[in-house]
C-alpha atoms as a PDB file:
ATOM      1  CA  UNK A   1       8.973  24.171   9.134  1.00  0.00           C
ATOM      2  CA  UNK A   2      10.339  25.235  12.475  1.00  0.00           C
ATOM      3  CA  UNK A   3       9.696  28.892  13.146  1.00  0.00           C
ATOM      4  CA  UNK A   4      11.970  31.591  14.533  1.00  0.00           C
ATOM      5  CA  UNK A   5      12.637  30.297  18.008  1.00  0.00           C
ATOM      6  CA  UNK A   6      10.967  26.900  18.176  1.00  0.00           C
ATOM      7  CA  UNK A   7      13.038  24.162  19.741  1.00  0.00           C
ATOM      8  CA  UNK A   8      13.693  20.753  18.225  1.00  0.00           C
ATOM      9  CA  UNK A   9      11.241  19.017  20.551  1.00  0.00           C
ATOM     10  CA  UNK A  10       8.534  17.452  18.441  1.00  0.00           C
ATOM     11  CA  UNK A  11       8.213  16.038  15.001  1.00  0.00           C
ATOM     12  CA  UNK A  12       4.627  16.786  13.985  1.00  0.00           C
ATOM     13  CA  UNK A  13       4.033  13.372  12.418  1.00  0.00           C
ATOM     14  CA  UNK A  14       5.701  10.402  14.030  1.00  0.00           C
ATOM     15  CA  UNK A  15       8.487   9.271  11.764  1.00  0.00           C
ATOM     16  CA  UNK A  16       7.871   5.792  10.363  1.00  0.00           C
ATOM     17  CA  UNK A  17       9.497   3.587   7.745  1.00  0.00           C
ATOM     18  CA  UNK A  18       6.567   4.358   5.451  1.00  0.00           C
ATOM     19  CA  UNK A  19       7.193   8.101   5.744  1.00  0.00           C
ATOM     20  CA  UNK A  20      10.911   7.699   5.059  1.00  0.00           C
ATOM     21  CA  UNK A  21      10.205   5.522   2.011  1.00  0.00           C
ATOM     22  CA  UNK A  22       7.982   8.288   0.615  1.00  0.00           C
ATOM     23  CA  UNK A  23      10.654  10.978   0.903  1.00  0.00           C
ATOM     24  CA  UNK A  24      11.864  12.756  -2.198  1.00  0.00           C
ATOM     25  CA  UNK A  25      13.536  16.030  -3.132  1.00  0.00           C
ATOM     26  CA  UNK A  26      11.021  18.815  -2.514  1.00  0.00           C
ATOM     27  CA  UNK A  27      13.372  21.704  -3.232  1.00  0.00           C
ATOM     28  CA  UNK A  28      16.843  21.986  -4.748  1.00  0.00           C
ATOM     29  CA  UNK A  29      19.310  24.827  -5.254  1.00  0.00           C
ATOM     30  CA  UNK A  30      21.417  24.080  -8.326  1.00  0.00           C
ATOM     31  CA  UNK A  31      23.413  27.288  -8.691  1.00  0.00           C
ATOM     32  CA  UNK A  32      26.660  25.909  -7.224  1.00  0.00           C
ATOM     33  CA  UNK A  33      29.800  25.765  -9.353  1.00  0.00           C
ATOM     34  CA  UNK A  34      31.593  23.363  -6.989  1.00  0.00           C
ATOM     35  CA  UNK A  35      30.721  20.508  -4.651  1.00  0.00           C
ATOM     36  CA  UNK A  36      29.169  21.285  -1.287  1.00  0.00           C
ATOM     37  CA  UNK A  37      31.711  20.247   1.355  1.00  0.00           C
ATOM     38  CA  UNK A  38      29.652  20.933   4.482  1.00  0.00           C
ATOM     39  CA  UNK A  39      26.172  21.933   5.628  1.00  0.00           C
ATOM     40  CA  UNK A  40      24.617  22.680   9.000  1.00  0.00           C
ATOM     41  CA  UNK A  41      21.132  23.367  10.352  1.00  0.00           C
ATOM     42  CA  UNK A  42      20.698  25.888  13.141  1.00  0.00           C
ATOM     43  CA  UNK A  43      19.230  24.259  16.240  1.00  0.00           C
ATOM     44  CA  UNK A  44      16.587  26.933  16.950  1.00  0.00           C
ATOM     45  CA  UNK A  45      16.036  28.860  13.691  1.00  0.00           C
ATOM     46  CA  UNK A  46      14.972  27.497  10.313  1.00  0.00           C
ATOM     47  CA  UNK A  47      18.348  28.349   8.790  1.00  0.00           C
ATOM     48  CA  UNK A  48      20.837  26.242   6.852  1.00  0.00           C
ATOM     49  CA  UNK A  49      24.419  27.206   6.055  1.00  0.00           C
ATOM     50  CA  UNK A  50      26.541  25.552   3.354  1.00  0.00           C
ATOM     51  CA  UNK A  51      30.217  25.599   2.421  1.00  0.00           C
ATOM     52  CA  UNK A  52      31.209  24.802  -1.135  1.00  0.00           C
ATOM     53  CA  UNK A  53      34.294  24.155  -3.248  1.00  0.00           C
ATOM     54  CA  UNK A  54      33.270  27.230  -5.262  1.00  0.00           C
ATOM     55  CA  UNK A  55      34.628  29.085  -2.188  1.00  0.00           C
ATOM     56  CA  UNK A  56      31.225  30.340  -1.072  1.00  0.00           C
ATOM     57  CA  UNK A  57      29.351  30.265   2.228  1.00  0.00           C
ATOM     58  CA  UNK A  58      25.575  30.484   1.761  1.00  0.00           C
ATOM     59  CA  UNK A  59      22.825  31.089   4.290  1.00  0.00           C
ATOM     60  CA  UNK A  60      19.282  29.860   3.569  1.00  0.00           C
ATOM     61  CA  UNK A  61      15.953  30.356   5.281  1.00  0.00           C
ATOM     62  CA  UNK A  62      14.302  26.953   4.904  1.00  0.00           C
ATOM     63  CA  UNK A  63      10.822  28.195   5.856  1.00  0.00           C
ATOM     64  CA  UNK A  64      10.746  30.638   2.934  1.00  0.00           C
ATOM     65  CA  UNK A  65      13.005  28.581   0.613  1.00  0.00           C
ATOM     66  CA  UNK A  66      15.284  31.552   0.002  1.00  0.00           C
ATOM     67  CA  UNK A  67      19.014  32.128  -0.059  1.00  0.00           C
ATOM     68  CA  UNK A  68      19.532  35.054   2.328  1.00  0.00           C
ATOM     69  CA  UNK A  69      23.235  35.583   1.845  1.00  0.00           C
ATOM     70  CA  UNK A  70      26.208  34.434  -0.236  1.00  0.00           C
ATOM     71  CA  UNK A  71      29.653  35.260   1.086  1.00  0.00           C
ATOM     72  CA  UNK A  72      32.769  34.416  -0.888  1.00  0.00           C
ATOM     73  CA  UNK A  73      35.952  33.264   0.832  1.00  0.00           C
ATOM     74  CA  UNK A  74      38.240  33.370  -2.183  1.00  0.00           C
ATOM     75  CA  UNK A  75      41.409  34.020  -0.222  1.00  0.00           C
ATOM     76  CA  UNK A  76      41.092  31.200   2.301  1.00  0.00           C
ATOM     77  CA  UNK A  77      38.650  28.822   0.660  1.00  0.00           C
ATOM     78  CA  UNK A  78      36.087  27.103   2.869  1.00  0.00           C
ATOM     79  CA  UNK A  79      35.758  23.460   3.906  1.00  0.00           C
ATOM     80  CA  UNK A  80      33.748  22.823   7.088  1.00  0.00           C
ATOM     81  CA  UNK A  81      31.121  25.210   8.463  1.00  0.00           C
ATOM     82  CA  UNK A  82      29.028  25.179  11.680  1.00  0.00           C
ATOM     83  CA  UNK A  83      26.514  27.558  13.209  1.00  0.00           C
ATOM     84  CA  UNK A  84      27.239  29.043  16.607  1.00  0.00           C
ATOM     85  CA  UNK A  85      24.227  29.617  18.886  1.00  0.00           C
ATOM     86  CA  UNK A  86      23.747  32.905  17.017  1.00  0.00           C
ATOM     87  CA  UNK A  87      21.745  32.337  13.795  1.00  0.00           C
ATOM     88  CA  UNK A  88      23.994  34.427  11.552  1.00  0.00           C
ATOM     89  CA  UNK A  89      27.407  33.665  13.058  1.00  0.00           C
ATOM     90  CA  UNK A  90      29.404  30.653  11.886  1.00  0.00           C
ATOM     91  CA  UNK A  91      32.763  29.024  12.446  1.00  0.00           C
ATOM     92  CA  UNK A  92      34.485  27.692   9.352  1.00  0.00           C
ATOM     93  CA  UNK A  93      37.731  26.033   8.339  1.00  0.00           C
ATOM     94  CA  UNK A  94      39.765  27.128   5.352  1.00  0.00           C
ATOM     95  CA  UNK A  95      40.812  24.907   2.494  1.00  0.00           C
ATOM     96  CA  UNK A  96      43.645  26.458   0.542  1.00  0.00           C
ATOM     97  CA  UNK A  97      46.419  24.802   2.510  1.00  0.00           C
ATOM     98  CA  UNK A  98      48.552  27.807   3.302  1.00  0.00           C
ATOM     99  CA  UNK A  99      46.483  28.797   6.326  1.00  0.00           C
ATOM    100  CA  UNK A 100      44.842  26.184   8.537  1.00  0.00           C
ATOM    101  CA  UNK A 101      43.200  28.561  10.987  1.00  0.00           C
ATOM    102  CA  UNK A 102      39.507  28.540  11.867  1.00  0.00           C
ATOM    103  CA  UNK A 103      37.427  31.694  11.623  1.00  0.00           C
ATOM    104  CA  UNK A 104      34.419  33.126  13.448  1.00  0.00           C
ATOM    105  CA  UNK A 105      32.429  35.000  10.807  1.00  0.00           C
ATOM    106  CA  UNK A 106      29.407  37.271  11.085  1.00  0.00           C
ATOM    107  CA  UNK A 107      27.259  36.616   8.018  1.00  0.00           C
ATOM    108  CA  UNK A 108      25.303  39.839   8.654  1.00  0.00           C
ATOM    109  CA  UNK A 109      28.152  42.145   7.733  1.00  0.00           C
ATOM    110  CA  UNK A 110      30.781  39.691   6.425  1.00  0.00           C
ATOM    111  CA  UNK A 111      33.144  40.528   9.283  1.00  0.00           C
ATOM    112  CA  UNK A 112      35.657  38.208  10.912  1.00  0.00           C
ATOM    113  CA  UNK A 113      35.094  38.357  14.659  1.00  0.00           C
ATOM    114  CA  UNK A 114      37.998  36.057  15.574  1.00  0.00           C
ATOM    115  CA  UNK A 115      40.733  33.831  14.158  1.00  0.00           C
ATOM    116  CA  UNK A 116      41.573  30.545  15.895  1.00  0.00           C
ATOM    117  CA  UNK A 117      45.146  29.517  15.129  1.00  0.00           C
ATOM    118  CA  UNK A 118      46.778  26.277  16.198  1.00  0.00           C
ATOM    119  CA  UNK A 119      46.380  23.582  13.557  1.00  0.00           C
ATOM    120  CA  UNK A 120      49.101  22.879  10.999  1.00  0.00           C
ATOM    121  CA  UNK A 121      47.153  20.800   8.497  1.00  0.00           C
ATOM    122  CA  UNK A 122      43.598  20.525   7.149  1.00  0.00           C
ATOM    123  CA  UNK A 123      40.813  20.522   9.756  1.00  0.00           C
ATOM    124  CA  UNK A 124      38.654  17.437   9.136  1.00  0.00           C
ATOM    125  CA  UNK A 125      36.305  17.591  12.127  1.00  0.00           C
ATOM    126  CA  UNK A 126      34.500  20.483  13.807  1.00  0.00           C
ATOM    127  CA  UNK A 127      31.957  20.157  16.619  1.00  0.00           C
ATOM    128  CA  UNK A 128      30.306  22.950  18.580  1.00  0.00           C
ATOM    129  CA  UNK A 129      28.970  22.554  22.090  1.00  0.00           C
ATOM    130  CA  UNK A 130      25.308  23.580  22.018  1.00  0.00           C
ATOM    131  CA  UNK A 131      25.208  24.653  25.678  1.00  0.00           C
ATOM    132  CA  UNK A 132      28.427  26.671  25.954  1.00  0.00           C
ATOM    133  CA  UNK A 133      30.598  28.848  23.727  1.00  0.00           C
ATOM    134  CA  UNK A 134      33.163  26.110  23.207  1.00  0.00           C
ATOM    135  CA  UNK A 135      34.046  23.848  20.300  1.00  0.00           C
ATOM    136  CA  UNK A 136      36.536  21.169  19.317  1.00  0.00           C
ATOM    137  CA  UNK A 137      38.411  20.652  16.077  1.00  0.00           C
ATOM    138  CA  UNK A 138      40.357  17.678  14.754  1.00  0.00           C
ATOM    139  CA  UNK A 139      43.031  17.921  12.092  1.00  0.00           C
ATOM    140  CA  UNK A 140      45.206  15.787   9.839  1.00  0.00           C
ATOM    141  CA  UNK A 141      48.095  17.172  11.940  1.00  0.00           C
ATOM    142  CA  UNK A 142      46.957  14.507  14.467  1.00  0.00           C
ATOM    143  CA  UNK A 143      45.784  16.947  17.098  1.00  0.00           C
ATOM    144  CA  UNK A 144      42.385  17.705  18.591  1.00  0.00           C
ATOM    145  CA  UNK A 145      42.147  21.267  19.911  1.00  0.00           C
ATOM    146  CA  UNK A 146      39.599  22.586  22.422  1.00  0.00           C
ATOM    147  CA  UNK A 147      38.505  26.186  21.986  1.00  0.00           C
ATOM    148  CA  UNK A 148      36.468  28.929  23.612  1.00  0.00           C
ATOM    149  CA  UNK A 149      34.763  31.143  21.010  1.00  0.00           C
ATOM    150  CA  UNK A 150      35.822  34.214  22.995  1.00  0.00           C
ATOM    151  CA  UNK A 151      39.585  33.447  22.877  1.00  0.00           C
ATOM    152  CA  UNK A 152      41.969  33.160  19.941  1.00  0.00           C
ATOM    153  CA  UNK A 153      44.273  30.607  21.567  1.00  0.00           C
ATOM    154  CA  UNK A 154      43.166  27.020  22.101  1.00  0.00           C
ATOM    155  CA  UNK A 155      42.226  25.995  25.649  1.00  0.00           C
ATOM    156  CA  UNK A 156      43.493  22.434  25.356  1.00  0.00           C
ATOM    157  CA  UNK A 157      45.320  20.002  23.060  1.00  0.00           C
ATOM    158  CA  UNK A 158      45.018  16.229  22.701  1.00  0.00           C
ATOM    159  CA  UNK A 159      47.335  14.219  20.441  1.00  0.00           C
ATOM    160  CA  UNK A 160      45.908  11.344  18.390  1.00  0.00           C
ATOM    161  CA  UNK A 161      47.345   8.574  16.214  1.00  0.00           C
ATOM    162  CA  UNK A 162      45.349   9.043  13.033  1.00  0.00           C
ATOM    163  CA  UNK A 163      42.659  11.129  11.374  1.00  0.00           C
ATOM    164  CA  UNK A 164      40.334  12.210  14.224  1.00  0.00           C
ATOM    165  CA  UNK A 165      36.533  12.509  14.227  1.00  0.00           C
ATOM    166  CA  UNK A 166      35.145  14.576  17.122  1.00  0.00           C
ATOM    167  CA  UNK A 167      31.717  15.299  18.633  1.00  0.00           C
ATOM    168  CA  UNK A 168      30.134  16.858  21.703  1.00  0.00           C
ATOM    169  CA  UNK A 169      27.014  15.312  23.170  1.00  0.00           C
ATOM    170  CA  UNK A 170      23.985  17.613  23.293  1.00  0.00           C
ATOM    171  CA  UNK A 171      24.516  18.491  26.965  1.00  0.00           C
ATOM    172  CA  UNK A 172      28.133  19.503  26.376  1.00  0.00           C
ATOM    173  CA  UNK A 173      29.280  17.293  29.266  1.00  0.00           C
ATOM    174  CA  UNK A 174      31.025  14.641  27.203  1.00  0.00           C
ATOM    175  CA  UNK A 175      32.929  14.617  23.932  1.00  0.00           C
ATOM    176  CA  UNK A 176      34.076  11.710  21.806  1.00  0.00           C
ATOM    177  CA  UNK A 177      37.187  11.344  19.661  1.00  0.00           C
ATOM    178  CA  UNK A 178      37.383   8.471  17.179  1.00  0.00           C
ATOM    179  CA  UNK A 179      40.466   7.184  15.343  1.00  0.00           C
ATOM    180  CA  UNK A 180      42.192   3.886  14.683  1.00  0.00           C
ATOM    181  CA  UNK A 181      39.193   1.616  15.274  1.00  0.00           C
ATOM    182  CA  UNK A 182      38.258   3.026  18.692  1.00  0.00           C
ATOM    183  CA  UNK A 183      36.070   5.765  20.184  1.00  0.00           C
ATOM    184  CA  UNK A 184      37.493   7.536  23.218  1.00  0.00           C
ATOM    185  CA  UNK A 185      35.023   9.211  25.587  1.00  0.00           C
ATOM    186  CA  UNK A 186      36.121  12.279  27.558  1.00  0.00           C
ATOM    187  CA  UNK A 187      34.564  14.253  30.399  1.00  0.00           C
ATOM    188  CA  UNK A 188      34.581  17.811  29.029  1.00  0.00           C
ATOM    189  CA  UNK A 189      35.502  19.203  32.459  1.00  0.00           C
ATOM    190  CA  UNK A 190      38.384  16.788  33.098  1.00  0.00           C
ATOM    191  CA  UNK A 191      39.635  15.852  29.636  1.00  0.00           C
ATOM    192  CA  UNK A 192      43.273  16.267  30.749  1.00  0.00           C
ATOM    193  CA  UNK A 193      42.891  13.023  32.706  1.00  0.00           C
ATOM    194  CA  UNK A 194      42.389  11.139  29.431  1.00  0.00           C
ATOM    195  CA  UNK A 195      39.400   9.112  28.259  1.00  0.00           C
ATOM    196  CA  UNK A 196      37.064   7.609  30.867  1.00  0.00           C
ATOM    197  CA  UNK A 197      35.934   4.940  28.368  1.00  0.00           C
ATOM    198  CA  UNK A 198      37.365   3.438  25.176  1.00  0.00           C
ATOM    199  CA  UNK A 199      34.958   1.620  22.852  1.00  0.00           C
ATOM    200  CA  UNK A 200      35.913  -0.686  19.988  1.00  0.00           C
ATOM    201  CA  UNK A 201      34.083  -0.548  16.646  1.00  0.00           C
ATOM    202  CA  UNK A 202      34.519  -4.206  15.808  1.00  0.00           C
ATOM    203  CA  UNK A 203      37.939  -4.195  14.162  1.00  0.00           C
ATOM    204  CA  UNK A 204      37.218  -1.514  11.543  1.00  0.00           C
ATOM    205  CA  UNK A 205      40.623   0.153  11.251  1.00  0.00           C
ATOM    206  CA  UNK A 206      39.781   2.384   8.271  1.00  0.00           C
ATOM    207  CA  UNK A 207      39.962   6.138   8.858  1.00  0.00           C
ATOM    208  CA  UNK A 208      37.256   7.679  11.035  1.00  0.00           C
ATOM    209  CA  UNK A 209      35.172  10.257   9.152  1.00  0.00           C
ATOM    210  CA  UNK A 210      32.252  11.508  11.251  1.00  0.00           C
ATOM    211  CA  UNK A 211      31.041  10.799  14.772  1.00  0.00           C
ATOM    212  CA  UNK A 212      27.676  11.992  16.115  1.00  0.00           C
ATOM    213  CA  UNK A 213      25.475  11.567  19.163  1.00  0.00           C
ATOM    214  CA  UNK A 214      21.714  11.113  18.929  1.00  0.00           C
ATOM    215  CA  UNK A 215      19.704  14.025  20.364  1.00  0.00           C
ATOM    216  CA  UNK A 216      18.995  12.126  23.599  1.00  0.00           C
ATOM    217  CA  UNK A 217      22.676  11.164  23.927  1.00  0.00           C
ATOM    218  CA  UNK A 218      21.947   7.429  24.182  1.00  0.00           C
ATOM    219  CA  UNK A 219      23.415   6.465  20.812  1.00  0.00           C
ATOM    220  CA  UNK A 220      26.479   7.314  18.776  1.00  0.00           C
ATOM    221  CA  UNK A 221      27.272   6.729  15.138  1.00  0.00           C
ATOM    222  CA  UNK A 222      30.690   6.563  13.533  1.00  0.00           C
ATOM    223  CA  UNK A 223      31.379   6.497   9.804  1.00  0.00           C
ATOM    224  CA  UNK A 224      34.662   5.334   8.273  1.00  0.00           C
ATOM    225  CA  UNK A 225      36.290   5.520   4.833  1.00  0.00           C
ATOM    226  CA  UNK A 226      35.779   1.752   4.548  1.00  0.00           C
ATOM    227  CA  UNK A 227      32.076   2.460   3.950  1.00  0.00           C
ATOM    228  CA  UNK A 228      30.908   1.414   7.422  1.00  0.00           C
ATOM    229  CA  UNK A 229      28.392   3.206   9.637  1.00  0.00           C
ATOM    230  CA  UNK A 230      28.598   1.869  13.195  1.00  0.00           C
ATOM    231  CA  UNK A 231      25.845   2.567  15.744  1.00  0.00           C
ATOM    232  CA  UNK A 232      26.774   2.140  19.408  1.00  0.00           C
ATOM    233  CA  UNK A 233      25.150   2.467  22.802  1.00  0.00           C
ATOM    234  CA  UNK A 234      26.986   5.560  24.066  1.00  0.00           C
ATOM    235  CA  UNK A 235      26.842   4.499  27.719  1.00  0.00           C
ATOM    236  CA  UNK A 236      27.938   0.878  27.424  1.00  0.00           C
ATOM    237  CA  UNK A 237      29.866   1.068  24.170  1.00  0.00           C
ATOM    238  CA  UNK A 238      27.953  -1.921  22.793  1.00  0.00           C
ATOM    239  CA  UNK A 239      28.069  -2.099  18.997  1.00  0.00           C
ATOM    240  CA  UNK A 240      24.365  -2.295  18.069  1.00  0.00           C
ATOM    241  CA  UNK A 241      24.649  -2.479  14.288  1.00  0.00           C
ATOM    242  CA  UNK A 242      26.933  -1.775  11.350  1.00  0.00           C
ATOM    243  CA  UNK A 243      25.579  -0.630   7.992  1.00  0.00           C
ATOM    244  CA  UNK A 244      27.724  -1.007   4.903  1.00  0.00           C
ATOM    245  CA  UNK A 245      27.880   1.247   1.856  1.00  0.00           C
ATOM    246  CA  UNK A 246      30.435   1.785  -0.914  1.00  0.00           C
ATOM    247  CA  UNK A 247      33.823   2.893   0.526  1.00  0.00           C
ATOM    248  CA  UNK A 248      34.897   6.486  -0.003  1.00  0.00           C
ATOM    249  CA  UNK A 249      38.197   7.882  -1.233  1.00  0.00           C
ATOM    250  CA  UNK A 250      40.631   9.264   1.329  1.00  0.00           C
ATOM    251  CA  UNK A 251      39.849  12.872   0.354  1.00  0.00           C
ATOM    252  CA  UNK A 252      36.065  12.353   0.623  1.00  0.00           C
ATOM    253  CA  UNK A 253      33.989  12.143   3.804  1.00  0.00           C
ATOM    254  CA  UNK A 254      31.266   9.594   4.461  1.00  0.00           C
ATOM    255  CA  UNK A 255      28.588  11.405   6.452  1.00  0.00           C
ATOM    256  CA  UNK A 256      25.550  10.048   8.290  1.00  0.00           C
ATOM    257  CA  UNK A 257      22.934  11.580  10.562  1.00  0.00           C
ATOM    258  CA  UNK A 258      20.383  10.438  13.146  1.00  0.00           C
ATOM    259  CA  UNK A 259      16.728  11.369  12.706  1.00  0.00           C
ATOM    260  CA  UNK A 260      15.528  13.685  15.534  1.00  0.00           C
ATOM    261  CA  UNK A 261      14.260  10.892  17.807  1.00  0.00           C
ATOM    262  CA  UNK A 262      17.218   8.615  16.992  1.00  0.00           C
ATOM    263  CA  UNK A 263      15.171   5.797  15.439  1.00  0.00           C
ATOM    264  CA  UNK A 264      16.672   6.072  11.954  1.00  0.00           C
ATOM    265  CA  UNK A 265      20.044   6.802  10.384  1.00  0.00           C
ATOM    266  CA  UNK A 266      20.484   8.353   6.954  1.00  0.00           C
ATOM    267  CA  UNK A 267      23.847   8.166   5.225  1.00  0.00           C
ATOM    268  CA  UNK A 268      25.695   8.924   2.053  1.00  0.00           C
ATOM    269  CA  UNK A 269      27.714   6.355   0.137  1.00  0.00           C
ATOM    270  CA  UNK A 270      30.881   6.250  -1.947  1.00  0.00           C
ATOM    271  CA  UNK A 271      28.770   5.898  -5.099  1.00  0.00           C
ATOM    272  CA  UNK A 272      26.721   9.037  -4.321  1.00  0.00           C
ATOM    273  CA  UNK A 273      23.607   7.138  -3.167  1.00  0.00           C
ATOM    274  CA  UNK A 274      21.625   7.972  -0.025  1.00  0.00           C
ATOM    275  CA  UNK A 275      20.509   5.243   2.391  1.00  0.00           C
ATOM    276  CA  UNK A 276      18.113   5.092   5.334  1.00  0.00           C
ATOM    277  CA  UNK A 277      18.401   2.452   8.080  1.00  0.00           C
ATOM    278  CA  UNK A 278      16.277   1.445  11.039  1.00  0.00           C
ATOM    279  CA  UNK A 279      18.219   1.587  14.313  1.00  0.00           C
ATOM    280  CA  UNK A 280      15.765  -0.807  15.945  1.00  0.00           C
ATOM    281  CA  UNK A 281      15.931  -3.584  13.327  1.00  0.00           C
ATOM    282  CA  UNK A 282      19.360  -2.765  11.875  1.00  0.00           C
ATOM    283  CA  UNK A 283      17.843  -3.175   8.397  1.00  0.00           C
ATOM    284  CA  UNK A 284      17.877  -0.901   5.374  1.00  0.00           C
ATOM    285  CA  UNK A 285      14.597   1.020   5.059  1.00  0.00           C
ATOM    286  CA  UNK A 286      15.168   2.457   1.598  1.00  0.00           C
ATOM    287  CA  UNK A 287      17.802   3.968  -0.672  1.00  0.00           C
ATOM    288  CA  UNK A 288      17.889   6.644  -3.356  1.00  0.00           C
ATOM    289  CA  UNK A 289      20.285   6.220  -6.269  1.00  0.00           C
ATOM    290  CA  UNK A 290      22.245   9.142  -7.638  1.00  0.00           C
ATOM    291  CA  UNK A 291      24.019  10.202 -10.798  1.00  0.00           C
ATOM    292  CA  UNK A 292      26.852  11.539  -8.587  1.00  0.00           C
ATOM    293  CA  UNK A 293      29.831   9.384  -7.728  1.00  0.00           C
ATOM    294  CA  UNK A 294      30.938  10.980  -4.465  1.00  0.00           C
ATOM    295  CA  UNK A 295      29.234  10.820  -1.071  1.00  0.00           C
ATOM    296  CA  UNK A 296      26.882  13.728  -0.344  1.00  0.00           C
ATOM    297  CA  UNK A 297      27.080  15.608   2.921  1.00  0.00           C
ATOM    298  CA  UNK A 298      23.854  14.838   4.776  1.00  0.00           C
ATOM    299  CA  UNK A 299      22.040  16.249   7.833  1.00  0.00           C
ATOM    300  CA  UNK A 300      18.593  15.725   9.323  1.00  0.00           C
ATOM    301  CA  UNK A 301      16.730  18.958  10.144  1.00  0.00           C
ATOM    302  CA  UNK A 302      16.137  19.448  13.901  1.00  0.00           C
ATOM    303  CA  UNK A 303      12.552  18.602  14.790  1.00  0.00           C
ATOM    304  CA  UNK A 304      11.375  18.300  11.191  1.00  0.00           C
ATOM    305  CA  UNK A 305      10.345  15.609   8.729  1.00  0.00           C
ATOM    306  CA  UNK A 306      13.136  16.734   6.448  1.00  0.00           C
ATOM    307  CA  UNK A 307      16.775  16.157   5.698  1.00  0.00           C
ATOM    308  CA  UNK A 308      19.207  17.912   3.391  1.00  0.00           C
ATOM    309  CA  UNK A 309      21.937  16.585   1.130  1.00  0.00           C
ATOM    310  CA  UNK A 310      24.736  18.555  -0.438  1.00  0.00           C
ATOM    311  CA  UNK A 311      26.631  17.443  -3.538  1.00  0.00           C
ATOM    312  CA  UNK A 312      26.840  19.519  -6.707  1.00  0.00           C
ATOM    313  CA  UNK A 313      23.495  20.931  -5.510  1.00  0.00           C
ATOM    314  CA  UNK A 314      21.676  21.479  -2.219  1.00  0.00           C
ATOM    315  CA  UNK A 315      18.553  19.298  -1.882  1.00  0.00           C
ATOM    316  CA  UNK A 316      15.840  19.252   0.787  1.00  0.00           C
ATOM    317  CA  UNK A 317      14.055  15.913   1.151  1.00  0.00           C
ATOM    318  CA  UNK A 318      10.487  15.782   2.466  1.00  0.00           C
ATOM    319  CA  UNK A 319       7.730  13.131   2.574  1.00  0.00           C
ATOM    320  CA  UNK A 320       5.387  12.923  -0.379  1.00  0.00           C
ATOM    321  CA  UNK A 321       2.189  12.624   1.672  1.00  0.00           C
ATOM    322  CA  UNK A 322       0.180  11.634  -1.405  1.00  0.00           C
ATOM    323  CA  UNK A 323       2.029   8.300  -1.304  1.00  0.00           C
ATOM    324  CA  UNK A 324       0.908   7.658   2.259  1.00  0.00           C
ATOM    325  CA  UNK A 325      -2.579   6.190   2.443  1.00  0.00           C
ATOM    326  CA  UNK A 326      -2.949   6.865   6.161  1.00  0.00           C
ATOM    327  CA  UNK A 327      -2.117  10.581   5.820  1.00  0.00           C
ATOM    328  CA  UNK A 328      -4.108  11.494   2.711  1.00  0.00           C
ATOM    329  CA  UNK A 329      -6.808  13.980   3.618  1.00  0.00           C
ATOM    330  CA  UNK A 330      -5.131  15.096   6.819  1.00  0.00           C
ATOM    331  CA  UNK A 331      -4.416  18.719   7.266  1.00  0.00           C
END
């Protein structure tokens, strides 16, 4: 596992289809009393944070397989959660409906450091810029707000015509907003001028769920409620492939994630299954069936041969090296 301050530079074994096909749940935390609605890996520390419908935020150390902290948010509920650059500070959105603000929370002492007020409906997208203290949020109120973590008022507002999905690229120079069958690309320094590119996702008009950039910024993926995962060239906007899974209900989110070097995509599905796809061939590599019937949240761990899924439990998936002839006997 990645240590205290290691960066997400190298995966120790090169990720192959054979390794992905061998992956299985190596560790699971089953003590949740509600579905996990969001999970995030810290970029530099081996920490994971989860948000759950049981109104808890939990912090885990993956390297020691321990839950370090459970914080309850009974008053506000909790929906989406993201790490800031600080390993024990998170931003999260509330769920209870009477208060749509975002909160900056110190997990060390369970203190709110800041409230971010501006949305008037549920926040459905939250993306932090890894290079600066800024973030963007998209809401069912059809606005995307731009924030600075140090200020309570939003720094910018963009109106959209639909449910927005938002993402910063890793450099923090560009952000993308998806809705209504298109991805709009903005220069983070001149977003007021409007998008500098608009990319089509091949006529898929179902609601945008999640948009993400690959670590090197060359690719983007967009998931939609129609059960489609689109992979695009983020410079040209070319649609490279579309993977299809079971559609999801309007109150669920179909999530997908790039592997660290961007060669594979893992995704949930409306029937609870997990799929892996090859970006190069566009073909399915493998799938894992589930007894659940809602899509899991899913994230690949930075720089590791591991991904996590969150449903009624939190599961960490790792290769079973005993299944891999070429790796047996290696240290």
